[in-house]
């Protein structure tokens, strides 16, 4: 039996089963963000770095 995994977005706190690991500011800290926040972060952002996708189902 597989366990249910879910995380919250570091930006908007909504729960999601797919999150994107990104850097979006000069702090170089990694964050997990949902689909909606990912779209806003990538727009004309010189600090944006993609670091992979976290998925609830493996």
PDB file of N, CA and C in Angstrom:
ATOM      1  N   UNK A   1       0.842  -1.191   0.000  1.00  0.00           N
ATOM      2  CA  UNK A   1       0.000   0.000   0.000  1.00  0.00           C
ATOM      3  C   UNK A   1       0.885   1.250   0.000  1.00  0.00           C
ATOM      4  N   UNK A   2       0.613   2.153  -0.920  1.00  0.00           N
ATOM      5  CA  UNK A   2       1.388   3.388  -1.002  1.00  0.00           C
ATOM      6  C   UNK A   2       0.801   4.438  -0.068  1.00  0.00           C
ATOM      7  N   UNK A   3       1.687   5.218   0.493  1.00  0.00           N
ATOM      8  CA  UNK A   3       1.212   6.285   1.377  1.00  0.00           C
ATOM      9  C   UNK A   3       0.894   7.535   0.566  1.00  0.00           C
ATOM     10  N   UNK A   4      -0.022   8.316   1.040  1.00  0.00           N
ATOM     11  CA  UNK A   4      -0.418   9.568   0.397  1.00  0.00           C
ATOM     12  C   UNK A   4       0.568  10.652   0.817  1.00  0.00           C
ATOM     13  N   UNK A   5       1.224  11.267  -0.142  1.00  0.00           N
ATOM     14  CA  UNK A   5       2.168  12.341   0.152  1.00  0.00           C
ATOM     15  C   UNK A   5       1.633  13.625  -0.454  1.00  0.00           C
ATOM     16  N   UNK A   6       1.729  14.697   0.292  1.00  0.00           N
ATOM     17  CA  UNK A   6       1.291  16.000  -0.205  1.00  0.00           C
ATOM     18  C   UNK A   6       2.106  17.068   0.535  1.00  0.00           C
ATOM     19  N   UNK A   7       2.420  18.133  -0.158  1.00  0.00           N
ATOM     20  CA  UNK A   7       3.186  19.239   0.429  1.00  0.00           C
ATOM     21  C   UNK A   7       2.470  20.546   0.136  1.00  0.00           C
ATOM     22  N   UNK A   8       2.841  21.570   0.871  1.00  0.00           N
ATOM     23  CA  UNK A   8       2.276  22.896   0.611  1.00  0.00           C
ATOM     24  C   UNK A   8       3.291  23.755  -0.129  1.00  0.00           C
ATOM     25  N   UNK A   9       2.778  24.639  -0.944  1.00  0.00           N
ATOM     26  CA  UNK A   9       3.595  25.587  -1.701  1.00  0.00           C
ATOM     27  C   UNK A   9       4.246  26.564  -0.727  1.00  0.00           C
ATOM     28  N   UNK A  10       5.523  26.830  -0.908  1.00  0.00           N
ATOM     29  CA  UNK A  10       6.236  27.764  -0.032  1.00  0.00           C
ATOM     30  C   UNK A  10       5.830  29.214  -0.263  1.00  0.00           C
ATOM     31  N   UNK A  11       5.165  29.488  -1.357  1.00  0.00           N
ATOM     32  CA  UNK A  11       4.779  30.866  -1.679  1.00  0.00           C
ATOM     33  C   UNK A  11       3.342  31.180  -1.264  1.00  0.00           C
ATOM     34  N   UNK A  12       2.378  30.297  -1.641  1.00  0.00           N
ATOM     35  CA  UNK A  12       0.966  30.583  -1.367  1.00  0.00           C
ATOM     36  C   UNK A  12       0.348  29.641  -0.335  1.00  0.00           C
ATOM     37  N   UNK A  13       1.097  28.627   0.102  1.00  0.00           N
ATOM     38  CA  UNK A  13       0.679  27.667   1.118  1.00  0.00           C
ATOM     39  C   UNK A  13      -0.432  26.695   0.694  1.00  0.00           C
ATOM     40  N   UNK A  14      -0.823  26.686  -0.583  1.00  0.00           N
ATOM     41  CA  UNK A  14      -1.842  25.733  -1.030  1.00  0.00           C
ATOM     42  C   UNK A  14      -1.219  24.336  -1.100  1.00  0.00           C
ATOM     43  N   UNK A  15      -2.038  23.303  -0.895  1.00  0.00           N
ATOM     44  CA  UNK A  15      -1.566  21.922  -0.949  1.00  0.00           C
ATOM     45  C   UNK A  15      -1.534  21.449  -2.389  1.00  0.00           C
ATOM     46  N   UNK A  16      -0.490  20.703  -2.739  1.00  0.00           N
ATOM     47  CA  UNK A  16      -0.342  20.230  -4.114  1.00  0.00           C
ATOM     48  C   UNK A  16       0.373  18.891  -4.126  1.00  0.00           C
ATOM     49  N   UNK A  17       0.097  18.095  -5.146  1.00  0.00           N
ATOM     50  CA  UNK A  17       0.787  16.815  -5.281  1.00  0.00           C
ATOM     51  C   UNK A  17       1.931  16.884  -6.289  1.00  0.00           C
ATOM     52  N   UNK A  18       2.112  18.042  -6.933  1.00  0.00           N
ATOM     53  CA  UNK A  18       3.264  18.303  -7.804  1.00  0.00           C
ATOM     54  C   UNK A  18       3.763  19.713  -7.490  1.00  0.00           C
ATOM     55  N   UNK A  19       5.045  19.808  -7.142  1.00  0.00           N
ATOM     56  CA  UNK A  19       5.662  21.100  -6.840  1.00  0.00           C
ATOM     57  C   UNK A  19       6.982  21.208  -7.598  1.00  0.00           C
ATOM     58  N   UNK A  20       7.386  22.439  -7.889  1.00  0.00           N
ATOM     59  CA  UNK A  20       8.625  22.697  -8.613  1.00  0.00           C
ATOM     60  C   UNK A  20       9.641  23.299  -7.655  1.00  0.00           C
ATOM     61  N   UNK A  21      10.848  22.747  -7.661  1.00  0.00           N
ATOM     62  CA  UNK A  21      11.926  23.251  -6.818  1.00  0.00           C
ATOM     63  C   UNK A  21      12.621  24.369  -7.587  1.00  0.00           C
ATOM     64  N   UNK A  22      12.586  25.583  -7.040  1.00  0.00           N
ATOM     65  CA  UNK A  22      13.102  26.747  -7.762  1.00  0.00           C
ATOM     66  C   UNK A  22      13.824  27.711  -6.817  1.00  0.00           C
ATOM     67  N   UNK A  23      14.665  28.530  -7.430  1.00  0.00           N
ATOM     68  CA  UNK A  23      15.218  29.720  -6.781  1.00  0.00           C
ATOM     69  C   UNK A  23      14.660  30.898  -7.557  1.00  0.00           C
ATOM     70  N   UNK A  24      14.172  31.940  -6.877  1.00  0.00           N
ATOM     71  CA  UNK A  24      13.611  33.066  -7.613  1.00  0.00           C
ATOM     72  C   UNK A  24      14.119  34.430  -7.140  1.00  0.00           C
ATOM     73  N   UNK A  25      15.018  34.424  -6.157  1.00  0.00           N
ATOM     74  CA  UNK A  25      15.549  35.704  -5.695  1.00  0.00           C
ATOM     75  C   UNK A  25      17.059  35.583  -5.462  1.00  0.00           C
ATOM     76  N   UNK A  26      17.679  36.650  -5.052  1.00  0.00           N
ATOM     77  CA  UNK A  26      19.129  36.695  -4.894  1.00  0.00           C
ATOM     78  C   UNK A  26      19.633  35.887  -3.698  1.00  0.00           C
ATOM     79  N   UNK A  27      18.747  35.430  -2.825  1.00  0.00           N
ATOM     80  CA  UNK A  27      19.163  34.679  -1.633  1.00  0.00           C
ATOM     81  C   UNK A  27      19.702  33.292  -1.964  1.00  0.00           C
ATOM     82  N   UNK A  28      19.422  32.790  -3.140  1.00  0.00           N
ATOM     83  CA  UNK A  28      19.823  31.465  -3.610  1.00  0.00           C
ATOM     84  C   UNK A  28      19.259  30.344  -2.738  1.00  0.00           C
ATOM     85  N   UNK A  29      18.145  30.603  -2.078  1.00  0.00           N
ATOM     86  CA  UNK A  29      17.456  29.585  -1.282  1.00  0.00           C
ATOM     87  C   UNK A  29      16.490  28.821  -2.176  1.00  0.00           C
ATOM     88  N   UNK A  30      16.366  27.500  -1.969  1.00  0.00           N
ATOM     89  CA  UNK A  30      15.459  26.684  -2.761  1.00  0.00           C
ATOM     90  C   UNK A  30      14.075  26.686  -2.135  1.00  0.00           C
ATOM     91  N   UNK A  31      13.043  26.772  -2.982  1.00  0.00           N
ATOM     92  CA  UNK A  31      11.646  26.756  -2.554  1.00  0.00           C
ATOM     93  C   UNK A  31      10.887  25.736  -3.392  1.00  0.00           C
ATOM     94  N   UNK A  32       9.802  25.200  -2.825  1.00  0.00           N
ATOM     95  CA  UNK A  32       8.879  24.356  -3.579  1.00  0.00           C
ATOM     96  C   UNK A  32       7.634  25.182  -3.857  1.00  0.00           C
ATOM     97  N   UNK A  33       7.272  25.328  -5.146  1.00  0.00           N
ATOM     98  CA  UNK A  33       6.122  26.145  -5.523  1.00  0.00           C
ATOM     99  C   UNK A  33       5.162  25.355  -6.409  1.00  0.00           C
ATOM    100  N   UNK A  34       3.881  25.717  -6.355  1.00  0.00           N
ATOM    101  CA  UNK A  34       2.837  25.058  -7.142  1.00  0.00           C
ATOM    102  C   UNK A  34       2.827  25.596  -8.582  1.00  0.00           C
ATOM    103  N   UNK A  35       1.949  25.028  -9.401  1.00  0.00           N
ATOM    104  CA  UNK A  35       1.839  25.434 -10.811  1.00  0.00           C
ATOM    105  C   UNK A  35       1.552  26.927 -10.965  1.00  0.00           C
ATOM    106  N   UNK A  36       0.573  27.426 -10.201  1.00  0.00           N
ATOM    107  CA  UNK A  36       0.176  28.843 -10.327  1.00  0.00           C
ATOM    108  C   UNK A  36       1.319  29.781  -9.963  1.00  0.00           C
ATOM    109  N   UNK A  37       1.975  29.501  -8.844  1.00  0.00           N
ATOM    110  CA  UNK A  37       3.088  30.366  -8.417  1.00  0.00           C
ATOM    111  C   UNK A  37       4.269  30.250  -9.373  1.00  0.00           C
ATOM    112  N   UNK A  38       4.488  29.074  -9.917  1.00  0.00           N
ATOM    113  CA  UNK A  38       5.596  28.864 -10.857  1.00  0.00           C
ATOM    114  C   UNK A  38       5.456  29.774 -12.072  1.00  0.00           C
ATOM    115  N   UNK A  39       4.244  29.932 -12.562  1.00  0.00           N
ATOM    116  CA  UNK A  39       4.005  30.821 -13.712  1.00  0.00           C
ATOM    117  C   UNK A  39       4.366  32.267 -13.391  1.00  0.00           C
ATOM    118  N   UNK A  40       4.044  32.723 -12.185  1.00  0.00           N
ATOM    119  CA  UNK A  40       4.337  34.109 -11.794  1.00  0.00           C
ATOM    120  C   UNK A  40       5.830  34.333 -11.559  1.00  0.00           C
ATOM    121  N   UNK A  41       6.504  33.343 -11.025  1.00  0.00           N
ATOM    122  CA  UNK A  41       7.916  33.473 -10.683  1.00  0.00           C
ATOM    123  C   UNK A  41       8.804  33.535 -11.928  1.00  0.00           C
ATOM    124  N   UNK A  42       8.452  32.783 -12.973  1.00  0.00           N
ATOM    125  CA  UNK A  42       9.310  32.677 -14.150  1.00  0.00           C
ATOM    126  C   UNK A  42       9.270  33.904 -15.055  1.00  0.00           C
ATOM    127  N   UNK A  43       8.238  34.713 -14.957  1.00  0.00           N
ATOM    128  CA  UNK A  43       8.087  35.883 -15.829  1.00  0.00           C
ATOM    129  C   UNK A  43       9.192  36.910 -15.621  1.00  0.00           C
ATOM    130  N   UNK A  44      10.067  37.064 -16.603  1.00  0.00           N
ATOM    131  CA  UNK A  44      11.130  38.084 -16.601  1.00  0.00           C
ATOM    132  C   UNK A  44      11.919  38.123 -15.292  1.00  0.00           C
ATOM    133  N   UNK A  45      12.352  36.973 -14.816  1.00  0.00           N
ATOM    134  CA  UNK A  45      13.077  36.896 -13.558  1.00  0.00           C
ATOM    135  C   UNK A  45      14.508  36.415 -13.827  1.00  0.00           C
ATOM    136  N   UNK A  46      15.465  37.294 -13.634  1.00  0.00           N
ATOM    137  CA  UNK A  46      16.870  36.958 -13.879  1.00  0.00           C
ATOM    138  C   UNK A  46      17.426  35.992 -12.833  1.00  0.00           C
ATOM    139  N   UNK A  47      16.806  35.904 -11.664  1.00  0.00           N
ATOM    140  CA  UNK A  47      17.271  35.034 -10.587  1.00  0.00           C
ATOM    141  C   UNK A  47      16.664  33.634 -10.652  1.00  0.00           C
ATOM    142  N   UNK A  48      15.743  33.388 -11.571  1.00  0.00           N
ATOM    143  CA  UNK A  48      15.037  32.116 -11.633  1.00  0.00           C
ATOM    144  C   UNK A  48      15.959  30.957 -12.026  1.00  0.00           C
ATOM    145  N   UNK A  49      15.929  29.891 -11.211  1.00  0.00           N
ATOM    146  CA  UNK A  49      16.646  28.650 -11.514  1.00  0.00           C
ATOM    147  C   UNK A  49      15.716  27.490 -11.185  1.00  0.00           C
ATOM    148  N   UNK A  50      15.557  26.577 -12.139  1.00  0.00           N
ATOM    149  CA  UNK A  50      14.734  25.387 -11.946  1.00  0.00           C
ATOM    150  C   UNK A  50      15.600  24.278 -11.363  1.00  0.00           C
ATOM    151  N   UNK A  51      15.088  23.587 -10.343  1.00  0.00           N
ATOM    152  CA  UNK A  51      15.880  22.554  -9.704  1.00  0.00           C
ATOM    153  C   UNK A  51      15.235  21.186  -9.660  1.00  0.00           C
ATOM    154  N   UNK A  52      14.137  20.996 -10.381  1.00  0.00           N
ATOM    155  CA  UNK A  52      13.505  19.675 -10.421  1.00  0.00           C
ATOM    156  C   UNK A  52      12.047  19.738 -10.022  1.00  0.00           C
ATOM    157  N   UNK A  53      11.395  18.592 -10.149  1.00  0.00           N
ATOM    158  CA  UNK A  53       9.976  18.484  -9.841  1.00  0.00           C
ATOM    159  C   UNK A  53       9.771  17.449  -8.746  1.00  0.00           C
ATOM    160  N   UNK A  54       8.999  17.815  -7.712  1.00  0.00           N
ATOM    161  CA  UNK A  54       8.619  16.895  -6.656  1.00  0.00           C
ATOM    162  C   UNK A  54       7.235  16.386  -6.962  1.00  0.00           C
ATOM    163  N   UNK A  55       7.067  15.062  -6.926  1.00  0.00           N
ATOM    164  CA  UNK A  55       5.766  14.453  -7.211  1.00  0.00           C
ATOM    165  C   UNK A  55       5.361  13.560  -6.053  1.00  0.00           C
ATOM    166  N   UNK A  56       4.074  13.592  -5.725  1.00  0.00           N
ATOM    167  CA  UNK A  56       3.561  12.794  -4.623  1.00  0.00           C
ATOM    168  C   UNK A  56       3.625  11.307  -4.942  1.00  0.00           C
ATOM    169  N   UNK A  57       3.410  10.969  -6.198  1.00  0.00           N
ATOM    170  CA  UNK A  57       3.426   9.566  -6.597  1.00  0.00           C
ATOM    171  C   UNK A  57       4.777   9.221  -7.188  1.00  0.00           C
ATOM    172  N   UNK A  58       5.384   8.188  -6.665  1.00  0.00           N
ATOM    173  CA  UNK A  58       6.687   7.758  -7.165  1.00  0.00           C
ATOM    174  C   UNK A  58       6.558   6.448  -7.875  1.00  0.00           C
TER     175      UNK A  58
END
